[in-house]
Amino acid sequence: SLKLAELNLIKEETGEDAILLLDDVMSELDAKRQEFLI
């Protein structure tokens, strides 16, 4: 939630869709959270 909020906050503050770097994190999330993320 925190990381996705960062992206939204950047959009709110700058008008930009920030680039997200997911470093070996998908395997740490279950299928439900992976799907929500994508």
PDB file of all heavy atoms in Angstrom:
ATOM      1  N   SER A   1       0.844  -1.208   0.000  1.00  0.00           N
ATOM      2  CA  SER A   1       0.000   0.000   0.000  1.00  0.00           C
ATOM      3  C   SER A   1       0.876   1.253   0.000  1.00  0.00           C
ATOM      4  O   SER A   1       0.590   2.240  -0.694  1.00  0.00           O
ATOM      5  CB  SER A   1      -0.907   0.018   1.227  1.00  0.00           C
ATOM      6  OG  SER A   1      -1.760  -1.091   1.254  1.00  0.00           O
ATOM      7  N   LEU A   2       1.940   1.208   0.768  1.00  0.00           N
ATOM      8  CA  LEU A   2       2.858   2.341   0.902  1.00  0.00           C
ATOM      9  C   LEU A   2       3.526   2.663  -0.437  1.00  0.00           C
ATOM     10  O   LEU A   2       3.591   3.821  -0.856  1.00  0.00           O
ATOM     11  CB  LEU A   2       3.911   1.998   1.951  1.00  0.00           C
ATOM     12  CG  LEU A   2       4.726   3.113   2.571  1.00  0.00           C
ATOM     13  CD1 LEU A   2       3.827   4.076   3.331  1.00  0.00           C
ATOM     14  CD2 LEU A   2       5.784   2.533   3.496  1.00  0.00           C
ATOM     15  N   LYS A   3       4.010   1.626  -1.114  1.00  0.00           N
ATOM     16  CA  LYS A   3       4.707   1.838  -2.385  1.00  0.00           C
ATOM     17  C   LYS A   3       3.763   2.341  -3.472  1.00  0.00           C
ATOM     18  O   LYS A   3       4.123   3.233  -4.256  1.00  0.00           O
ATOM     19  CB  LYS A   3       5.374   0.531  -2.837  1.00  0.00           C
ATOM     20  CG  LYS A   3       6.666   0.239  -2.112  1.00  0.00           C
ATOM     21  CD  LYS A   3       7.704   1.286  -2.468  1.00  0.00           C
ATOM     22  CE  LYS A   3       8.900   1.232  -1.554  1.00  0.00           C
ATOM     23  NZ  LYS A   3       9.913   2.224  -1.913  1.00  0.00           N
ATOM     24  N   LEU A   4       2.561   1.783  -3.523  1.00  0.00           N
ATOM     25  CA  LEU A   4       1.593   2.249  -4.518  1.00  0.00           C
ATOM     26  C   LEU A   4       1.146   3.680  -4.207  1.00  0.00           C
ATOM     27  O   LEU A   4       0.896   4.467  -5.116  1.00  0.00           O
ATOM     28  CB  LEU A   4       0.390   1.306  -4.562  1.00  0.00           C
ATOM     29  CG  LEU A   4       0.691  -0.112  -5.076  1.00  0.00           C
ATOM     30  CD1 LEU A   4      -0.545  -0.990  -5.003  1.00  0.00           C
ATOM     31  CD2 LEU A   4       1.230  -0.079  -6.507  1.00  0.00           C
ATOM     32  N   ALA A   5       1.068   4.003  -2.915  1.00  0.00           N
ATOM     33  CA  ALA A   5       0.719   5.371  -2.522  1.00  0.00           C
ATOM     34  C   ALA A   5       1.793   6.362  -2.974  1.00  0.00           C
ATOM     35  O   ALA A   5       1.480   7.496  -3.352  1.00  0.00           O
ATOM     36  CB  ALA A   5       0.529   5.450  -1.006  1.00  0.00           C
ATOM     37  N   GLU A   6       3.053   5.944  -2.927  1.00  0.00           N
ATOM     38  CA  GLU A   6       4.142   6.798  -3.416  1.00  0.00           C
ATOM     39  C   GLU A   6       3.911   7.208  -4.863  1.00  0.00           C
ATOM     40  O   GLU A   6       4.058   8.371  -5.240  1.00  0.00           O
ATOM     41  CB  GLU A   6       5.474   6.052  -3.356  1.00  0.00           C
ATOM     42  CG  GLU A   6       6.131   5.982  -2.017  1.00  0.00           C
ATOM     43  CD  GLU A   6       7.438   5.239  -2.142  1.00  0.00           C
ATOM     44  OE1 GLU A   6       8.299   5.711  -2.905  1.00  0.00           O
ATOM     45  OE2 GLU A   6       7.591   4.198  -1.505  1.00  0.00           O
ATOM     46  N   LEU A   7       3.560   6.204  -5.683  1.00  0.00           N
ATOM     47  CA  LEU A   7       3.319   6.483  -7.095  1.00  0.00           C
ATOM     48  C   LEU A   7       2.172   7.474  -7.273  1.00  0.00           C
ATOM     49  O   LEU A   7       2.257   8.417  -8.063  1.00  0.00           O
ATOM     50  CB  LEU A   7       2.988   5.183  -7.842  1.00  0.00           C
ATOM     51  CG  LEU A   7       4.137   4.179  -7.993  1.00  0.00           C
ATOM     52  CD1 LEU A   7       3.612   2.857  -8.523  1.00  0.00           C
ATOM     53  CD2 LEU A   7       5.221   4.709  -8.924  1.00  0.00           C
ATOM     54  N   ASN A   8       1.088   7.262  -6.524  1.00  0.00           N
ATOM     55  CA  ASN A   8      -0.061   8.164  -6.612  1.00  0.00           C
ATOM     56  C   ASN A   8       0.287   9.566  -6.135  1.00  0.00           C
ATOM     57  O   ASN A   8      -0.177  10.559  -6.692  1.00  0.00           O
ATOM     58  CB  ASN A   8      -1.228   7.615  -5.790  1.00  0.00           C
ATOM     59  CG  ASN A   8      -1.881   6.405  -6.432  1.00  0.00           C
ATOM     60  OD1 ASN A   8      -1.382   5.879  -7.418  1.00  0.00           O
ATOM     61  ND2 ASN A   8      -2.982   5.947  -5.867  1.00  0.00           N
ATOM     62  N   LEU A   9       1.107   9.638  -5.086  1.00  0.00           N
ATOM     63  CA  LEU A   9       1.501  10.935  -4.546  1.00  0.00           C
ATOM     64  C   LEU A   9       2.384  11.693  -5.535  1.00  0.00           C
ATOM     65  O   LEU A   9       2.237  12.916  -5.703  1.00  0.00           O
ATOM     66  CB  LEU A   9       2.217  10.748  -3.204  1.00  0.00           C
ATOM     67  CG  LEU A   9       2.594  12.009  -2.424  1.00  0.00           C
ATOM     68  CD1 LEU A   9       1.391  12.919  -2.234  1.00  0.00           C
ATOM     69  CD2 LEU A   9       3.190  11.646  -1.074  1.00  0.00           C
ATOM     70  N   ILE A  10       3.287  10.982  -6.197  1.00  0.00           N
ATOM     71  CA  ILE A  10       4.117  11.613  -7.228  1.00  0.00           C
ATOM     72  C   ILE A  10       3.231  12.167  -8.343  1.00  0.00           C
ATOM     73  O   ILE A  10       3.424  13.293  -8.818  1.00  0.00           O
ATOM     74  CB  ILE A  10       5.155  10.616  -7.789  1.00  0.00           C
ATOM     75  CG1 ILE A  10       6.249  10.355  -6.745  1.00  0.00           C
ATOM     76  CG2 ILE A  10       5.785  11.139  -9.080  1.00  0.00           C
ATOM     77  CD1 ILE A  10       7.215   9.246  -7.110  1.00  0.00           C
ATOM     78  N   LYS A  11       2.226  11.378  -8.749  1.00  0.00           N
ATOM     79  CA  LYS A  11       1.286  11.829  -9.781  1.00  0.00           C
ATOM     80  C   LYS A  11       0.545  13.079  -9.313  1.00  0.00           C
ATOM     81  O   LYS A  11       0.368  14.045 -10.061  1.00  0.00           O
ATOM     82  CB  LYS A  11       0.297  10.695 -10.078  1.00  0.00           C
ATOM     83  CG  LYS A  11      -0.816  11.051 -11.065  1.00  0.00           C
ATOM     84  CD  LYS A  11      -0.304  11.114 -12.485  1.00  0.00           C
ATOM     85  CE  LYS A  11      -1.460  11.246 -13.458  1.00  0.00           C
ATOM     86  NZ  LYS A  11      -0.997  11.389 -14.853  1.00  0.00           N
ATOM     87  N   GLU A  12       0.131  13.076  -8.043  1.00  0.00           N
ATOM     88  CA  GLU A  12      -0.616  14.204  -7.466  1.00  0.00           C
ATOM     89  C   GLU A  12       0.247  15.458  -7.400  1.00  0.00           C
ATOM     90  O   GLU A  12      -0.218  16.559  -7.686  1.00  0.00           O
ATOM     91  CB  GLU A  12      -1.068  13.809  -6.051  1.00  0.00           C
ATOM     92  CG  GLU A  12      -2.313  14.505  -5.563  1.00  0.00           C
ATOM     93  CD  GLU A  12      -2.769  13.955  -4.216  1.00  0.00           C
ATOM     94  OE1 GLU A  12      -2.237  14.418  -3.185  1.00  0.00           O
ATOM     95  OE2 GLU A  12      -3.650  13.082  -4.193  1.00  0.00           O
ATOM     96  N   GLU A  13       1.511  15.288  -7.016  1.00  0.00           N
ATOM     97  CA  GLU A  13       2.404  16.431  -6.802  1.00  0.00           C
ATOM     98  C   GLU A  13       3.005  16.971  -8.094  1.00  0.00           C
ATOM     99  O   GLU A  13       3.261  18.166  -8.210  1.00  0.00           O
ATOM    100  CB  GLU A  13       3.531  16.038  -5.845  1.00  0.00           C
ATOM    101  CG  GLU A  13       3.083  15.720  -4.424  1.00  0.00           C
ATOM    102  CD  GLU A  13       2.695  16.948  -3.635  1.00  0.00           C
ATOM    103  OE1 GLU A  13       3.431  17.946  -3.679  1.00  0.00           O
ATOM    104  OE2 GLU A  13       1.644  16.907  -2.975  1.00  0.00           O
ATOM    105  N   THR A  14       3.272  16.083  -9.048  1.00  0.00           N
ATOM    106  CA  THR A  14       4.018  16.489 -10.254  1.00  0.00           C
ATOM    107  C   THR A  14       3.234  16.338 -11.550  1.00  0.00           C
ATOM    108  O   THR A  14       3.653  16.858 -12.585  1.00  0.00           O
ATOM    109  CB  THR A  14       5.312  15.662 -10.388  1.00  0.00           C
ATOM    110  OG1 THR A  14       4.979  14.305 -10.712  1.00  0.00           O
ATOM    111  CG2 THR A  14       6.123  15.687  -9.096  1.00  0.00           C
ATOM    112  N   GLY A  15       2.135  15.587 -11.515  1.00  0.00           N
ATOM    113  CA  GLY A  15       1.394  15.304 -12.743  1.00  0.00           C
ATOM    114  C   GLY A  15       1.992  14.187 -13.569  1.00  0.00           C
ATOM    115  O   GLY A  15       1.498  13.861 -14.646  1.00  0.00           O
ATOM    116  N   GLU A  16       3.078  13.553 -13.067  1.00  0.00           N
ATOM    117  CA  GLU A  16       3.787  12.511 -13.808  1.00  0.00           C
ATOM    118  C   GLU A  16       3.412  11.104 -13.314  1.00  0.00           C
ATOM    119  O   GLU A  16       3.238  10.891 -12.117  1.00  0.00           O
ATOM    120  CB  GLU A  16       5.299  12.678 -13.661  1.00  0.00           C
ATOM    121  CG  GLU A  16       5.865  13.909 -14.327  1.00  0.00           C
ATOM    122  CD  GLU A  16       5.805  13.838 -15.836  1.00  0.00           C
ATOM    123  OE1 GLU A  16       5.864  12.728 -16.388  1.00  0.00           O
ATOM    124  OE2 GLU A  16       5.695  14.907 -16.463  1.00  0.00           O
ATOM    125  N   ASP A  17       3.292  10.169 -14.263  1.00  0.00           N
ATOM    126  CA  ASP A  17       3.198   8.748 -13.915  1.00  0.00           C
ATOM    127  C   ASP A  17       4.621   8.236 -13.730  1.00  0.00           C
ATOM    128  O   ASP A  17       5.355   8.048 -14.700  1.00  0.00           O
ATOM    129  CB  ASP A  17       2.495   7.957 -15.027  1.00  0.00           C
ATOM    130  CG  ASP A  17       0.999   8.235 -15.070  1.00  0.00           C
ATOM    131  OD1 ASP A  17       0.363   8.127 -14.006  1.00  0.00           O
ATOM    132  OD2 ASP A  17       0.477   8.563 -16.145  1.00  0.00           O
ATOM    133  N   ALA A  18       5.026   8.036 -12.494  1.00  0.00           N
ATOM    134  CA  ALA A  18       6.397   7.611 -12.222  1.00  0.00           C
ATOM    135  C   ALA A  18       6.645   6.197 -12.734  1.00  0.00           C
ATOM    136  O   ALA A  18       5.723   5.399 -12.903  1.00  0.00           O
ATOM    137  CB  ALA A  18       6.680   7.682 -10.724  1.00  0.00           C
ATOM    138  N   ILE A  19       7.911   5.895 -12.958  1.00  0.00           N
ATOM    139  CA  ILE A  19       8.343   4.563 -13.383  1.00  0.00           C
ATOM    140  C   ILE A  19       8.543   3.712 -12.138  1.00  0.00           C
ATOM    141  O   ILE A  19       9.109   4.180 -11.151  1.00  0.00           O
ATOM    142  CB  ILE A  19       9.655   4.683 -14.185  1.00  0.00           C
ATOM    143  CG1 ILE A  19       9.411   5.500 -15.463  1.00  0.00           C
ATOM    144  CG2 ILE A  19      10.238   3.308 -14.512  1.00  0.00           C
ATOM    145  CD1 ILE A  19      10.635   6.200 -15.979  1.00  0.00           C
ATOM    146  N   LEU A  20       8.083   2.455 -12.178  1.00  0.00           N
ATOM    147  CA  LEU A  20       8.222   1.571 -11.018  1.00  0.00           C
ATOM    148  C   LEU A  20       9.231   0.475 -11.319  1.00  0.00           C
ATOM    149  O   LEU A  20       9.123  -0.237 -12.330  1.00  0.00           O
ATOM    150  CB  LEU A  20       6.879   0.941 -10.646  1.00  0.00           C
ATOM    151  CG  LEU A  20       6.900   0.009  -9.421  1.00  0.00           C
ATOM    152  CD1 LEU A  20       7.355   0.744  -8.172  1.00  0.00           C
ATOM    153  CD2 LEU A  20       5.527  -0.614  -9.190  1.00  0.00           C
ATOM    154  N   LEU A  21      10.209   0.344 -10.427  1.00  0.00           N
ATOM    155  CA  LEU A  21      11.212  -0.707 -10.513  1.00  0.00           C
ATOM    156  C   LEU A  21      10.889  -1.761  -9.457  1.00  0.00           C
ATOM    157  O   LEU A  21      10.967  -1.479  -8.265  1.00  0.00           O
ATOM    158  CB  LEU A  21      12.614  -0.129 -10.251  1.00  0.00           C
ATOM    159  CG  LEU A  21      12.994   1.140 -11.021  1.00  0.00           C
ATOM    160  CD1 LEU A  21      14.365   1.641 -10.560  1.00  0.00           C
ATOM    161  CD2 LEU A  21      12.990   0.908 -12.517  1.00  0.00           C
ATOM    162  N   LEU A  22      10.490  -2.944  -9.890  1.00  0.00           N
ATOM    163  CA  LEU A  22      10.164  -4.045  -8.972  1.00  0.00           C
ATOM    164  C   LEU A  22      11.333  -5.014  -8.976  1.00  0.00           C
ATOM    165  O   LEU A  22      11.523  -5.785  -9.916  1.00  0.00           O
ATOM    166  CB  LEU A  22       8.886  -4.762  -9.426  1.00  0.00           C
ATOM    167  CG  LEU A  22       7.582  -3.963  -9.342  1.00  0.00           C
ATOM    168  CD1 LEU A  22       6.482  -4.660 -10.112  1.00  0.00           C
ATOM    169  CD2 LEU A  22       7.171  -3.772  -7.906  1.00  0.00           C
ATOM    170  N   ASP A  23      12.137  -4.955  -7.927  1.00  0.00           N
ATOM    171  CA  ASP A  23      13.363  -5.751  -7.880  1.00  0.00           C
ATOM    172  C   ASP A  23      13.136  -7.051  -7.118  1.00  0.00           C
ATOM    173  O   ASP A  23      13.188  -7.072  -5.882  1.00  0.00           O
ATOM    174  CB  ASP A  23      14.489  -4.943  -7.240  1.00  0.00           C
ATOM    175  CG  ASP A  23      15.810  -5.693  -7.245  1.00  0.00           C
ATOM    176  OD1 ASP A  23      15.999  -6.551  -8.131  1.00  0.00           O
ATOM    177  OD2 ASP A  23      16.639  -5.437  -6.360  1.00  0.00           O
ATOM    178  N   ASP A  24      12.879  -8.124  -7.857  1.00  0.00           N
ATOM    179  CA  ASP A  24      12.769  -9.463  -7.275  1.00  0.00           C
ATOM    180  C   ASP A  24      11.720  -9.523  -6.162  1.00  0.00           C
ATOM    181  O   ASP A  24      11.888 -10.218  -5.167  1.00  0.00           O
ATOM    182  CB  ASP A  24      14.137  -9.907  -6.731  1.00  0.00           C
ATOM    183  CG  ASP A  24      14.254 -11.431  -6.659  1.00  0.00           C
ATOM    184  OD1 ASP A  24      13.526 -12.114  -7.400  1.00  0.00           O
ATOM    185  OD2 ASP A  24      15.057 -11.922  -5.857  1.00  0.00           O
ATOM    186  N   VAL A  25      10.632  -8.769  -6.360  1.00  0.00           N
ATOM    187  CA  VAL A  25       9.620  -8.689  -5.305  1.00  0.00           C
ATOM    188  C   VAL A  25       8.393  -9.550  -5.611  1.00  0.00           C
ATOM    189  O   VAL A  25       7.620  -9.889  -4.711  1.00  0.00           O
ATOM    190  CB  VAL A  25       9.219  -7.211  -5.065  1.00  0.00           C
ATOM    191  CG1 VAL A  25       8.214  -6.733  -6.097  1.00  0.00           C
ATOM    192  CG2 VAL A  25       8.706  -7.001  -3.667  1.00  0.00           C
ATOM    193  N   MET A  26       8.199  -9.918  -6.894  1.00  0.00           N
ATOM    194  CA  MET A  26       6.988 -10.661  -7.262  1.00  0.00           C
ATOM    195  C   MET A  26       6.898 -12.003  -6.533  1.00  0.00           C
ATOM    196  O   MET A  26       5.823 -12.410  -6.094  1.00  0.00           O
ATOM    197  CB  MET A  26       6.926 -10.878  -8.775  1.00  0.00           C
ATOM    198  CG  MET A  26       6.806  -9.599  -9.581  1.00  0.00           C
ATOM    199  SD  MET A  26       5.299  -8.671  -9.246  1.00  0.00           S
ATOM    200  CE  MET A  26       4.178  -9.464 -10.380  1.00  0.00           C
ATOM    201  N   SER A  27       8.026 -12.673  -6.402  1.00  0.00           N
ATOM    202  CA  SER A  27       8.027 -13.986  -5.747  1.00  0.00           C
ATOM    203  C   SER A  27       7.707 -13.885  -4.258  1.00  0.00           C
ATOM    204  O   SER A  27       7.349 -14.876  -3.623  1.00  0.00           O
ATOM    205  CB  SER A  27       9.379 -14.683  -5.936  1.00  0.00           C
ATOM    206  OG  SER A  27      10.409 -13.901  -5.361  1.00  0.00           O
ATOM    207  N   GLU A  28       7.840 -12.665  -3.698  1.00  0.00           N
ATOM    208  CA  GLU A  28       7.562 -12.462  -2.278  1.00  0.00           C
ATOM    209  C   GLU A  28       6.079 -12.183  -2.008  1.00  0.00           C
ATOM    210  O   GLU A  28       5.645 -12.166  -0.860  1.00  0.00           O
ATOM    211  CB  GLU A  28       8.388 -11.275  -1.755  1.00  0.00           C
ATOM    212  CG  GLU A  28       9.883 -11.415  -1.931  1.00  0.00           C
ATOM    213  CD  GLU A  28      10.511 -12.355  -0.905  1.00  0.00           C
ATOM    214  OE1 GLU A  28       9.898 -12.582   0.144  1.00  0.00           O
ATOM    215  OE2 GLU A  28      11.611 -12.868  -1.177  1.00  0.00           O
ATOM    216  N   LEU A  29       5.311 -11.923  -3.097  1.00  0.00           N
ATOM    217  CA  LEU A  29       3.894 -11.609  -2.945  1.00  0.00           C
ATOM    218  C   LEU A  29       3.044 -12.786  -3.402  1.00  0.00           C
ATOM    219  O   LEU A  29       3.393 -13.476  -4.364  1.00  0.00           O
ATOM    220  CB  LEU A  29       3.537 -10.377  -3.788  1.00  0.00           C
ATOM    221  CG  LEU A  29       4.273  -9.075  -3.454  1.00  0.00           C
ATOM    222  CD1 LEU A  29       3.943  -8.011  -4.484  1.00  0.00           C
ATOM    223  CD2 LEU A  29       3.929  -8.586  -2.053  1.00  0.00           C
ATOM    224  N   ASP A  30       1.908 -13.007  -2.744  1.00  0.00           N
ATOM    225  CA  ASP A  30       1.017 -14.081  -3.189  1.00  0.00           C
ATOM    226  C   ASP A  30       0.275 -13.657  -4.449  1.00  0.00           C
ATOM    227  O   ASP A  30       0.348 -12.494  -4.876  1.00  0.00           O
ATOM    228  CB  ASP A  30       0.046 -14.485  -2.068  1.00  0.00           C
ATOM    229  CG  ASP A  30      -0.850 -13.337  -1.612  1.00  0.00           C
ATOM    230  OD1 ASP A  30      -1.084 -12.406  -2.405  1.00  0.00           O
ATOM    231  OD2 ASP A  30      -1.312 -13.367  -0.460  1.00  0.00           O
ATOM    232  N   ALA A  31      -0.450 -14.594  -5.073  1.00  0.00           N
ATOM    233  CA  ALA A  31      -1.091 -14.348  -6.369  1.00  0.00           C
ATOM    234  C   ALA A  31      -2.068 -13.174  -6.314  1.00  0.00           C
ATOM    235  O   ALA A  31      -2.144 -12.369  -7.252  1.00  0.00           O
ATOM    236  CB  ALA A  31      -1.801 -15.615  -6.839  1.00  0.00           C
ATOM    237  N   LYS A  32      -2.779 -13.048  -5.200  1.00  0.00           N
ATOM    238  CA  LYS A  32      -3.762 -11.968  -5.052  1.00  0.00           C
ATOM    239  C   LYS A  32      -3.083 -10.607  -5.087  1.00  0.00           C
ATOM    240  O   LYS A  32      -3.531  -9.676  -5.773  1.00  0.00           O
ATOM    241  CB  LYS A  32      -4.519 -12.154  -3.734  1.00  0.00           C
ATOM    242  CG  LYS A  32      -5.498 -11.038  -3.406  1.00  0.00           C
ATOM    243  CD  LYS A  32      -6.059 -11.233  -2.000  1.00  0.00           C
ATOM    244  CE  LYS A  32      -6.828 -10.010  -1.541  1.00  0.00           C
ATOM    245  NZ  LYS A  32      -7.275 -10.125  -0.140  1.00  0.00           N
ATOM    246  N   ARG A  33      -1.982 -10.470  -4.349  1.00  0.00           N
ATOM    247  CA  ARG A  33      -1.281  -9.187  -4.305  1.00  0.00           C
ATOM    248  C   ARG A  33      -0.556  -8.914  -5.625  1.00  0.00           C
ATOM    249  O   ARG A  33      -0.470  -7.768  -6.062  1.00  0.00           O
ATOM    250  CB  ARG A  33      -0.302  -9.161  -3.126  1.00  0.00           C
ATOM    251  CG  ARG A  33      -1.013  -9.120  -1.766  1.00  0.00           C
ATOM    252  CD  ARG A  33      -0.025  -9.171  -0.609  1.00  0.00           C
ATOM    253  NE  ARG A  33      -0.684  -9.111   0.684  1.00  0.00           N
ATOM    254  CZ  ARG A  33      -1.195 -10.144   1.332  1.00  0.00           C
ATOM    255  NH1 ARG A  33      -1.125 -11.363   0.788  1.00  0.00           N
ATOM    256  NH2 ARG A  33      -1.773  -9.999   2.496  1.00  0.00           N
ATOM    257  N   GLN A  34      -0.023  -9.959  -6.261  1.00  0.00           N
ATOM    258  CA  GLN A  34       0.599  -9.791  -7.580  1.00  0.00           C
ATOM    259  C   GLN A  34      -0.419  -9.254  -8.584  1.00  0.00           C
ATOM    260  O   GLN A  34      -0.123  -8.316  -9.344  1.00  0.00           O
ATOM    261  CB  GLN A  34       1.155 -11.124  -8.083  1.00  0.00           C
ATOM    262  CG  GLN A  34       2.407 -11.596  -7.380  1.00  0.00           C
ATOM    263  CD  GLN A  34       2.959 -12.871  -7.992  1.00  0.00           C
ATOM    264  OE1 GLN A  34       2.623 -13.231  -9.115  1.00  0.00           O
ATOM    265  NE2 GLN A  34       3.800 -13.570  -7.256  1.00  0.00           N
ATOM    266  N   GLU A  35      -1.597  -9.848  -8.583  1.00  0.00           N
ATOM    267  CA  GLU A  35      -2.638  -9.440  -9.534  1.00  0.00           C
ATOM    268  C   GLU A  35      -3.066  -7.997  -9.275  1.00  0.00           C
ATOM    269  O   GLU A  35      -3.239  -7.209 -10.211  1.00  0.00           O
ATOM    270  CB  GLU A  35      -3.842 -10.377  -9.416  1.00  0.00           C
ATOM    271  CG  GLU A  35      -4.911 -10.124 -10.473  1.00  0.00           C
ATOM    272  CD  GLU A  35      -6.053 -11.123 -10.393  1.00  0.00           C
ATOM    273  OE1 GLU A  35      -5.904 -12.178  -9.746  1.00  0.00           O
ATOM    274  OE2 GLU A  35      -7.098 -10.843 -10.994  1.00  0.00           O
ATOM    275  N   PHE A  36      -3.230  -7.641  -7.993  1.00  0.00           N
ATOM    276  CA  PHE A  36      -3.614  -6.268  -7.648  1.00  0.00           C
ATOM    277  C   PHE A  36      -2.559  -5.288  -8.137  1.00  0.00           C
ATOM    278  O   PHE A  36      -2.879  -4.229  -8.682  1.00  0.00           O
ATOM    279  CB  PHE A  36      -3.795  -6.148  -6.135  1.00  0.00           C
ATOM    280  CG  PHE A  36      -4.312  -4.805  -5.699  1.00  0.00           C
ATOM    281  CD1 PHE A  36      -5.665  -4.563  -5.608  1.00  0.00           C
ATOM    282  CD2 PHE A  36      -3.435  -3.773  -5.393  1.00  0.00           C
ATOM    283  CE1 PHE A  36      -6.150  -3.316  -5.213  1.00  0.00           C
ATOM    284  CE2 PHE A  36      -3.898  -2.523  -5.002  1.00  0.00           C
ATOM    285  CZ  PHE A  36      -5.266  -2.299  -4.908  1.00  0.00           C
ATOM    286  N   LEU A  37      -1.305  -5.655  -7.956  1.00  0.00           N
ATOM    287  CA  LEU A  37      -0.182  -4.805  -8.363  1.00  0.00           C
ATOM    288  C   LEU A  37      -0.208  -4.555  -9.868  1.00  0.00           C
ATOM    289  O   LEU A  37      -0.152  -3.402 -10.321  1.00  0.00           O
ATOM    290  CB  LEU A  37       1.130  -5.483  -7.958  1.00  0.00           C
ATOM    291  CG  LEU A  37       2.426  -4.694  -8.058  1.00  0.00           C
ATOM    292  CD1 LEU A  37       2.397  -3.467  -7.180  1.00  0.00           C
ATOM    293  CD2 LEU A  37       3.604  -5.568  -7.694  1.00  0.00           C
ATOM    294  N   ILE A  38      -0.306  -5.618 -10.647  1.00  0.00           N
ATOM    295  CA  ILE A  38      -0.290  -5.496 -12.104  1.00  0.00           C
ATOM    296  C   ILE A  38      -1.488  -4.693 -12.597  1.00  0.00           C
ATOM    297  O   ILE A  38      -1.355  -3.804 -13.450  1.00  0.00           O
ATOM    298  CB  ILE A  38      -0.282  -6.898 -12.768  1.00  0.00           C
ATOM    299  CG1 ILE A  38       1.008  -7.653 -12.419  1.00  0.00           C
ATOM    300  CG2 ILE A  38      -0.455  -6.787 -14.278  1.00  0.00           C
ATOM    301  CD1 ILE A  38       2.278  -7.032 -12.939  1.00  0.00           C
TER     302      ILE A  38
END
